[in-house]
Amino acid sequence: MAIFRCNKCAHLAEVAPDTIGTTINCPQCGTPTTVYDTSFFVRKLLERYFALQTSLKRLQAEADNQEASEPAPQQNLDAINIY
């Protein structure tokens, strides 16, 4: 089985297995795009997913550390002129 995904318009379709490794034009926008084997496509998709998941966890940990290390700002209510 082969997967065709256009990088310009995101059109996704299954195509004949004999087209794997060739470049065909997207049926929606006409952009030339390479046809990949399904297992290759899924493997690359999972690599990107897990890399983004790792980045998200790192950013969440950094945000939690910043919130814990920064004291809450103190407001002096006597200095506020309400008139």
PDB file of N, CA and C in Angstrom:
ATOM      1  N   MET A   1       0.844  -1.163   0.000  1.00  0.00           N
ATOM      2  CA  MET A   1       0.000   0.000   0.000  1.00  0.00           C
ATOM      3  C   MET A   1       0.898   1.236   0.000  1.00  0.00           C
ATOM      4  N   ALA A   2       0.464   2.298  -0.644  1.00  0.00           N
ATOM      5  CA  ALA A   2       1.228   3.531  -0.723  1.00  0.00           C
ATOM      6  C   ALA A   2       0.359   4.698  -0.264  1.00  0.00           C
ATOM      7  N   ILE A   3       1.018   5.688   0.325  1.00  0.00           N
ATOM      8  CA  ILE A   3       0.341   6.877   0.835  1.00  0.00           C
ATOM      9  C   ILE A   3       0.818   8.083   0.032  1.00  0.00           C
ATOM     10  N   PHE A   4      -0.135   8.889  -0.369  1.00  0.00           N
ATOM     11  CA  PHE A   4       0.155  10.138  -1.051  1.00  0.00           C
ATOM     12  C   PHE A   4      -0.347  11.258  -0.169  1.00  0.00           C
ATOM     13  N   ARG A   5       0.554  12.181   0.216  1.00  0.00           N
ATOM     14  CA  ARG A   5       0.147  13.352   1.001  1.00  0.00           C
ATOM     15  C   ARG A   5       0.798  14.579   0.403  1.00  0.00           C
ATOM     16  N   CYS A   6      -0.024  15.509  -0.010  1.00  0.00           N
ATOM     17  CA  CYS A   6       0.464  16.749  -0.601  1.00  0.00           C
ATOM     18  C   CYS A   6       0.884  17.711   0.515  1.00  0.00           C
ATOM     19  N   ASN A   7       2.098  18.244   0.432  1.00  0.00           N
ATOM     20  CA  ASN A   7       2.587  19.185   1.441  1.00  0.00           C
ATOM     21  C   ASN A   7       1.995  20.582   1.272  1.00  0.00           C
ATOM     22  N   LYS A   8       1.420  20.867   0.122  1.00  0.00           N
ATOM     23  CA  LYS A   8       0.855  22.187  -0.107  1.00  0.00           C
ATOM     24  C   LYS A   8      -0.596  22.275   0.359  1.00  0.00           C
ATOM     25  N   CYS A   9      -1.435  21.320  -0.065  1.00  0.00           N
ATOM     26  CA  CYS A   9      -2.865  21.399   0.276  1.00  0.00           C
ATOM     27  C   CYS A   9      -3.310  20.332   1.280  1.00  0.00           C
ATOM     28  N   ALA A  10      -2.392  19.437   1.696  1.00  0.00           N
ATOM     29  CA  ALA A  10      -2.644  18.387   2.690  1.00  0.00           C
ATOM     30  C   ALA A  10      -3.596  17.299   2.199  1.00  0.00           C
ATOM     31  N   HIS A  11      -3.752  17.179   0.894  1.00  0.00           N
ATOM     32  CA  HIS A  11      -4.574  16.096   0.333  1.00  0.00           C
ATOM     33  C   HIS A  11      -3.910  14.763   0.685  1.00  0.00           C
ATOM     34  N   LEU A  12      -4.692  13.806   1.175  1.00  0.00           N
ATOM     35  CA  LEU A  12      -4.190  12.502   1.588  1.00  0.00           C
ATOM     36  C   LEU A  12      -4.988  11.424   0.878  1.00  0.00           C
ATOM     37  N   ALA A  13      -4.268  10.460   0.292  1.00  0.00           N
ATOM     38  CA  ALA A  13      -4.955   9.398  -0.437  1.00  0.00           C
ATOM     39  C   ALA A  13      -4.072   8.161  -0.517  1.00  0.00           C
ATOM     40  N   GLU A  14      -4.719   7.010  -0.708  1.00  0.00           N
ATOM     41  CA  GLU A  14      -4.005   5.778  -1.002  1.00  0.00           C
ATOM     42  C   GLU A  14      -3.860   5.686  -2.512  1.00  0.00           C
ATOM     43  N   VAL A  15      -2.691   5.221  -2.945  1.00  0.00           N
ATOM     44  CA  VAL A  15      -2.446   5.058  -4.376  1.00  0.00           C
ATOM     45  C   VAL A  15      -1.882   3.663  -4.612  1.00  0.00           C
ATOM     46  N   ALA A  16      -1.752   3.294  -5.849  1.00  0.00           N
ATOM     47  CA  ALA A  16      -1.270   1.964  -6.211  1.00  0.00           C
ATOM     48  C   ALA A  16       0.152   1.746  -5.683  1.00  0.00           C
ATOM     49  N   PRO A  17       0.444   0.522  -5.194  1.00  0.00           N
ATOM     50  CA  PRO A  17       1.762   0.239  -4.636  1.00  0.00           C
ATOM     51  C   PRO A  17       2.913   0.385  -5.638  1.00  0.00           C
ATOM     52  N   ASP A  18       2.634   0.268  -6.917  1.00  0.00           N
ATOM     53  CA  ASP A  18       3.715   0.384  -7.890  1.00  0.00           C
ATOM     54  C   ASP A  18       4.188   1.826  -8.083  1.00  0.00           C
ATOM     55  N   THR A  19       3.538   2.790  -7.419  1.00  0.00           N
ATOM     56  CA  THR A  19       3.958   4.191  -7.521  1.00  0.00           C
ATOM     57  C   THR A  19       4.873   4.621  -6.382  1.00  0.00           C
ATOM     58  N   ILE A  20       5.206   3.721  -5.458  1.00  0.00           N
ATOM     59  CA  ILE A  20       6.069   4.050  -4.324  1.00  0.00           C
ATOM     60  C   ILE A  20       7.415   4.551  -4.842  1.00  0.00           C
ATOM     61  N   GLY A  21       7.846   5.690  -4.307  1.00  0.00           N
ATOM     62  CA  GLY A  21       9.126   6.277  -4.689  1.00  0.00           C
ATOM     63  C   GLY A  21       9.056   7.190  -5.894  1.00  0.00           C
ATOM     64  N   THR A  22       7.922   7.269  -6.546  1.00  0.00           N
ATOM     65  CA  THR A  22       7.788   8.150  -7.704  1.00  0.00           C
ATOM     66  C   THR A  22       7.163   9.467  -7.275  1.00  0.00           C
ATOM     67  N   THR A  23       7.228  10.435  -8.143  1.00  0.00           N
ATOM     68  CA  THR A  23       6.614  11.733  -7.897  1.00  0.00           C
ATOM     69  C   THR A  23       5.422  11.874  -8.825  1.00  0.00           C
ATOM     70  N   ILE A  24       4.262  12.185  -8.227  1.00  0.00           N
ATOM     71  CA  ILE A  24       3.057  12.401  -9.025  1.00  0.00           C
ATOM     72  C   ILE A  24       2.468  13.750  -8.654  1.00  0.00           C
ATOM     73  N   ASN A  25       1.645  14.275  -9.522  1.00  0.00           N
ATOM     74  CA  ASN A  25       0.989  15.559  -9.257  1.00  0.00           C
ATOM     75  C   ASN A  25      -0.237  15.351  -8.387  1.00  0.00           C
ATOM     76  N   CYS A  26      -0.430  16.256  -7.438  1.00  0.00           N
ATOM     77  CA  CYS A  26      -1.586  16.205  -6.551  1.00  0.00           C
ATOM     78  C   CYS A  26      -2.852  16.401  -7.377  1.00  0.00           C
ATOM     79  N   PRO A  27      -3.878  15.553  -7.161  1.00  0.00           N
ATOM     80  CA  PRO A  27      -5.112  15.714  -7.917  1.00  0.00           C
ATOM     81  C   PRO A  27      -5.895  16.977  -7.559  1.00  0.00           C
ATOM     82  N   GLN A  28      -5.620  17.571  -6.387  1.00  0.00           N
ATOM     83  CA  GLN A  28      -6.348  18.778  -5.994  1.00  0.00           C
ATOM     84  C   GLN A  28      -5.662  20.066  -6.439  1.00  0.00           C
ATOM     85  N   CYS A  29      -4.333  20.148  -6.219  1.00  0.00           N
ATOM     86  CA  CYS A  29      -3.654  21.418  -6.497  1.00  0.00           C
ATOM     87  C   CYS A  29      -2.579  21.317  -7.572  1.00  0.00           C
ATOM     88  N   GLY A  30      -2.208  20.096  -7.963  1.00  0.00           N
ATOM     89  CA  GLY A  30      -1.235  19.912  -9.031  1.00  0.00           C
ATOM     90  C   GLY A  30       0.222  19.976  -8.616  1.00  0.00           C
ATOM     91  N   THR A  31       0.502  20.096  -7.329  1.00  0.00           N
ATOM     92  CA  THR A  31       1.873  20.155  -6.838  1.00  0.00           C
ATOM     93  C   THR A  31       2.523  18.776  -6.945  1.00  0.00           C
ATOM     94  N   PRO A  32       3.728  18.682  -7.512  1.00  0.00           N
ATOM     95  CA  PRO A  32       4.409  17.393  -7.568  1.00  0.00           C
ATOM     96  C   PRO A  32       4.819  16.928  -6.163  1.00  0.00           C
ATOM     97  N   THR A  33       4.469  15.689  -5.829  1.00  0.00           N
ATOM     98  CA  THR A  33       4.718  15.152  -4.501  1.00  0.00           C
ATOM     99  C   THR A  33       5.157  13.693  -4.609  1.00  0.00           C
ATOM    100  N   THR A  34       6.065  13.279  -3.721  1.00  0.00           N
ATOM    101  CA  THR A  34       6.574  11.909  -3.704  1.00  0.00           C
ATOM    102  C   THR A  34       5.588  10.978  -3.021  1.00  0.00           C
ATOM    103  N   VAL A  35       5.468   9.768  -3.543  1.00  0.00           N
ATOM    104  CA  VAL A  35       4.613   8.735  -2.960  1.00  0.00           C
ATOM    105  C   VAL A  35       5.482   7.870  -2.050  1.00  0.00           C
ATOM    106  N   TYR A  36       5.014   7.609  -0.829  1.00  0.00           N
ATOM    107  CA  TYR A  36       5.768   6.839   0.159  1.00  0.00           C
ATOM    108  C   TYR A  36       5.047   5.546   0.507  1.00  0.00           C
ATOM    109  N   ASP A  37       5.842   4.569   0.954  1.00  0.00           N
ATOM    110  CA  ASP A  37       5.293   3.340   1.497  1.00  0.00           C
ATOM    111  C   ASP A  37       4.587   3.680   2.803  1.00  0.00           C
ATOM    112  N   THR A  38       3.502   3.018   3.113  1.00  0.00           N
ATOM    113  CA  THR A  38       2.707   3.335   4.300  1.00  0.00           C
ATOM    114  C   THR A  38       3.530   3.219   5.583  1.00  0.00           C
ATOM    115  N   SER A  39       4.329   2.164   5.719  1.00  0.00           N
ATOM    116  CA  SER A  39       5.103   1.992   6.951  1.00  0.00           C
ATOM    117  C   SER A  39       6.117   3.125   7.123  1.00  0.00           C
ATOM    118  N   PHE A  40       6.728   3.594   6.051  1.00  0.00           N
ATOM    119  CA  PHE A  40       7.661   4.727   6.121  1.00  0.00           C
ATOM    120  C   PHE A  40       6.925   5.973   6.573  1.00  0.00           C
ATOM    121  N   PHE A  41       5.763   6.223   5.990  1.00  0.00           N
ATOM    122  CA  PHE A  41       4.959   7.403   6.318  1.00  0.00           C
ATOM    123  C   PHE A  41       4.551   7.384   7.790  1.00  0.00           C
ATOM    124  N   VAL A  42       4.063   6.257   8.272  1.00  0.00           N
ATOM    125  CA  VAL A  42       3.623   6.142   9.664  1.00  0.00           C
ATOM    126  C   VAL A  42       4.808   6.282  10.616  1.00  0.00           C
ATOM    127  N   ARG A  43       5.951   5.702  10.276  1.00  0.00           N
ATOM    128  CA  ARG A  43       7.147   5.801  11.115  1.00  0.00           C
ATOM    129  C   ARG A  43       7.567   7.265  11.264  1.00  0.00           C
ATOM    130  N   LYS A  44       7.608   8.003  10.181  1.00  0.00           N
ATOM    131  CA  LYS A  44       7.985   9.422  10.238  1.00  0.00           C
ATOM    132  C   LYS A  44       6.955  10.242  11.013  1.00  0.00           C
ATOM    133  N   LEU A  45       5.709   9.917  10.848  1.00  0.00           N
ATOM    134  CA  LEU A  45       4.644  10.605  11.578  1.00  0.00           C
ATOM    135  C   LEU A  45       4.786  10.379  13.087  1.00  0.00           C
ATOM    136  N   LEU A  46       5.071   9.144  13.489  1.00  0.00           N
ATOM    137  CA  LEU A  46       5.264   8.837  14.907  1.00  0.00           C
ATOM    138  C   LEU A  46       6.511   9.509  15.466  1.00  0.00           C
ATOM    139  N   GLU A  47       7.581   9.579  14.684  1.00  0.00           N
ATOM    140  CA  GLU A  47       8.792  10.268  15.136  1.00  0.00           C
ATOM    141  C   GLU A  47       8.494  11.728  15.446  1.00  0.00           C
ATOM    142  N   ARG A  48       7.754  12.374  14.569  1.00  0.00           N
ATOM    143  CA  ARG A  48       7.401  13.775  14.794  1.00  0.00           C
ATOM    144  C   ARG A  48       6.492  13.926  16.016  1.00  0.00           C
ATOM    145  N   TYR A  49       5.541  13.010  16.172  1.00  0.00           N
ATOM    146  CA  TYR A  49       4.615  13.061  17.304  1.00  0.00           C
ATOM    147  C   TYR A  49       5.376  12.953  18.629  1.00  0.00           C
ATOM    148  N   PHE A  50       6.276  11.971  18.739  1.00  0.00           N
ATOM    149  CA  PHE A  50       6.996  11.768  19.995  1.00  0.00           C
ATOM    150  C   PHE A  50       7.989  12.894  20.261  1.00  0.00           C
ATOM    151  N   ALA A  51       8.580  13.469  19.228  1.00  0.00           N
ATOM    152  CA  ALA A  51       9.470  14.611  19.415  1.00  0.00           C
ATOM    153  C   ALA A  51       8.691  15.814  19.950  1.00  0.00           C
ATOM    154  N   LEU A  52       7.514  16.057  19.409  1.00  0.00           N
ATOM    155  CA  LEU A  52       6.685  17.164  19.889  1.00  0.00           C
ATOM    156  C   LEU A  52       6.175  16.909  21.301  1.00  0.00           C
ATOM    157  N   GLN A  53       5.863  15.672  21.605  1.00  0.00           N
ATOM    158  CA  GLN A  53       5.407  15.324  22.950  1.00  0.00           C
ATOM    159  C   GLN A  53       6.529  15.571  23.968  1.00  0.00           C
ATOM    160  N   THR A  54       7.754  15.213  23.624  1.00  0.00           N
ATOM    161  CA  THR A  54       8.902  15.448  24.493  1.00  0.00           C
ATOM    162  C   THR A  54       9.122  16.942  24.700  1.00  0.00           C
ATOM    163  N   SER A  55       9.028  17.722  23.630  1.00  0.00           N
ATOM    164  CA  SER A  55       9.189  19.178  23.732  1.00  0.00           C
ATOM    165  C   SER A  55       8.112  19.791  24.617  1.00  0.00           C
ATOM    166  N   LEU A  56       6.885  19.319  24.467  1.00  0.00           N
ATOM    167  CA  LEU A  56       5.786  19.831  25.284  1.00  0.00           C
ATOM    168  C   LEU A  56       6.028  19.547  26.762  1.00  0.00           C
ATOM    169  N   LYS A  57       6.452  18.340  27.095  1.00  0.00           N
ATOM    170  CA  LYS A  57       6.723  17.999  28.495  1.00  0.00           C
ATOM    171  C   LYS A  57       7.844  18.865  29.064  1.00  0.00           C
ATOM    172  N   ARG A  58       8.896  19.113  28.251  1.00  0.00           N
ATOM    173  CA  ARG A  58      10.011  19.943  28.702  1.00  0.00           C
ATOM    174  C   ARG A  58       9.532  21.376  28.955  1.00  0.00           C
ATOM    175  N   LEU A  59       8.725  21.915  28.048  1.00  0.00           N
ATOM    176  CA  LEU A  59       8.220  23.272  28.217  1.00  0.00           C
ATOM    177  C   LEU A  59       7.293  23.387  29.419  1.00  0.00           C
ATOM    178  N   GLN A  60       6.481  22.367  29.654  1.00  0.00           N
ATOM    179  CA  GLN A  60       5.595  22.385  30.822  1.00  0.00           C
ATOM    180  C   GLN A  60       6.409  22.350  32.110  1.00  0.00           C
ATOM    181  N   ALA A  61       7.475  21.552  32.143  1.00  0.00           N
ATOM    182  CA  ALA A  61       8.331  21.484  33.325  1.00  0.00           C
ATOM    183  C   ALA A  61       9.022  22.818  33.566  1.00  0.00           C
ATOM    184  N   GLU A  62       9.492  23.473  32.497  1.00  0.00           N
ATOM    185  CA  GLU A  62      10.128  24.781  32.635  1.00  0.00           C
ATOM    186  C   GLU A  62       9.132  25.808  33.162  1.00  0.00           C
ATOM    187  N   ALA A  63       7.903  25.773  32.663  1.00  0.00           N
ATOM    188  CA  ALA A  63       6.873  26.713  33.116  1.00  0.00           C
ATOM    189  C   ALA A  63       6.545  26.477  34.590  1.00  0.00           C
ATOM    190  N   ASP A  64       6.461  25.215  34.987  1.00  0.00           N
ATOM    191  CA  ASP A  64       6.184  24.904  36.393  1.00  0.00           C
ATOM    192  C   ASP A  64       7.314  25.394  37.290  1.00  0.00           C
ATOM    193  N   ASN A  65       8.576  25.246  36.842  1.00  0.00           N
ATOM    194  CA  ASN A  65       9.720  25.697  37.634  1.00  0.00           C
ATOM    195  C   ASN A  65       9.749  27.210  37.756  1.00  0.00           C
ATOM    196  N   GLN A  66       9.374  27.920  36.695  1.00  0.00           N
ATOM    197  CA  GLN A  66       9.345  29.379  36.759  1.00  0.00           C
ATOM    198  C   GLN A  66       8.268  29.866  37.707  1.00  0.00           C
ATOM    199  N   GLU A  67       7.103  29.233  37.667  1.00  0.00           N
ATOM    200  CA  GLU A  67       6.020  29.632  38.560  1.00  0.00           C
ATOM    201  C   GLU A  67       6.387  29.378  40.012  1.00  0.00           C
ATOM    202  N   ALA A  68       7.092  28.283  40.283  1.00  0.00           N
ATOM    203  CA  ALA A  68       7.459  27.943  41.657  1.00  0.00           C
ATOM    204  C   ALA A  68       8.567  28.859  42.175  1.00  0.00           C
ATOM    205  N   SER A  69       9.463  29.314  41.312  1.00  0.00           N
ATOM    206  CA  SER A  69      10.594  30.112  41.768  1.00  0.00           C
ATOM    207  C   SER A  69      10.293  31.599  41.859  1.00  0.00           C
ATOM    208  N   GLU A  70       9.277  32.074  41.180  1.00  0.00           N
ATOM    209  CA  GLU A  70       8.942  33.495  41.204  1.00  0.00           C
ATOM    210  C   GLU A  70       7.912  33.771  42.297  1.00  0.00           C
ATOM    211  N   PRO A  71       8.269  34.626  43.264  1.00  0.00           N
ATOM    212  CA  PRO A  71       7.287  34.955  44.301  1.00  0.00           C
ATOM    213  C   PRO A  71       6.184  35.840  43.729  1.00  0.00           C
ATOM    214  N   ALA A  72       5.038  35.750  44.334  1.00  0.00           N
ATOM    215  CA  ALA A  72       3.904  36.564  43.889  1.00  0.00           C
ATOM    216  C   ALA A  72       4.205  38.022  44.174  1.00  0.00           C
ATOM    217  N   PRO A  73       3.923  38.914  43.248  1.00  0.00           N
ATOM    218  CA  PRO A  73       4.208  40.341  43.483  1.00  0.00           C
ATOM    219  C   PRO A  73       3.324  40.886  44.614  1.00  0.00           C
ATOM    220  N   GLN A  74       3.951  41.684  45.469  1.00  0.00           N
ATOM    221  CA  GLN A  74       3.234  42.298  46.581  1.00  0.00           C
ATOM    222  C   GLN A  74       2.683  43.636  46.124  1.00  0.00           C
ATOM    223  N   GLN A  75       1.431  43.882  46.437  1.00  0.00           N
ATOM    224  CA  GLN A  75       0.829  45.155  46.086  1.00  0.00           C
ATOM    225  C   GLN A  75       0.649  45.975  47.352  1.00  0.00           C
ATOM    226  N   ASN A  76       1.080  47.232  47.277  1.00  0.00           N
ATOM    227  CA  ASN A  76       0.904  48.140  48.369  1.00  0.00           C
ATOM    228  C   ASN A  76      -0.377  48.921  48.090  1.00  0.00           C
ATOM    229  N   LEU A  77      -1.438  48.587  48.795  1.00  0.00           N
ATOM    230  CA  LEU A  77      -2.727  49.235  48.564  1.00  0.00           C
ATOM    231  C   LEU A  77      -2.749  50.664  49.053  1.00  0.00           C
ATOM    232  N   ASP A  78      -1.850  51.042  49.941  1.00  0.00           N
ATOM    233  CA  ASP A  78      -1.808  52.419  50.446  1.00  0.00           C
ATOM    234  C   ASP A  78      -1.357  53.380  49.360  1.00  0.00           C
ATOM    235  N   ALA A  79      -0.613  52.900  48.392  1.00  0.00           N
ATOM    236  CA  ALA A  79      -0.068  53.778  47.343  1.00  0.00           C
ATOM    237  C   ALA A  79      -1.068  54.032  46.214  1.00  0.00           C
ATOM    238  N   ILE A  80      -2.215  53.378  46.237  1.00  0.00           N
ATOM    239  CA  ILE A  80      -3.193  53.524  45.158  1.00  0.00           C
ATOM    240  C   ILE A  80      -4.117  54.699  45.478  1.00  0.00           C
ATOM    241  N   ASN A  81      -4.220  55.612  44.520  1.00  0.00           N
ATOM    242  CA  ASN A  81      -5.100  56.771  44.667  1.00  0.00           C
ATOM    243  C   ASN A  81      -6.426  56.417  43.994  1.00  0.00           C
ATOM    244  N   ILE A  82      -7.472  56.256  44.752  1.00  0.00           N
ATOM    245  CA  ILE A  82      -8.756  55.894  44.179  1.00  0.00           C
ATOM    246  C   ILE A  82      -9.592  57.105  43.777  1.00  0.00           C
ATOM    247  N   TYR A  83      -9.054  58.310  43.972  1.00  0.00           N
ATOM    248  CA  TYR A  83      -9.802  59.514  43.637  1.00  0.00           C
ATOM    249  C   TYR A  83      -9.315  60.107  42.369  1.00  0.00           C
TER     250      TYR A  83
END
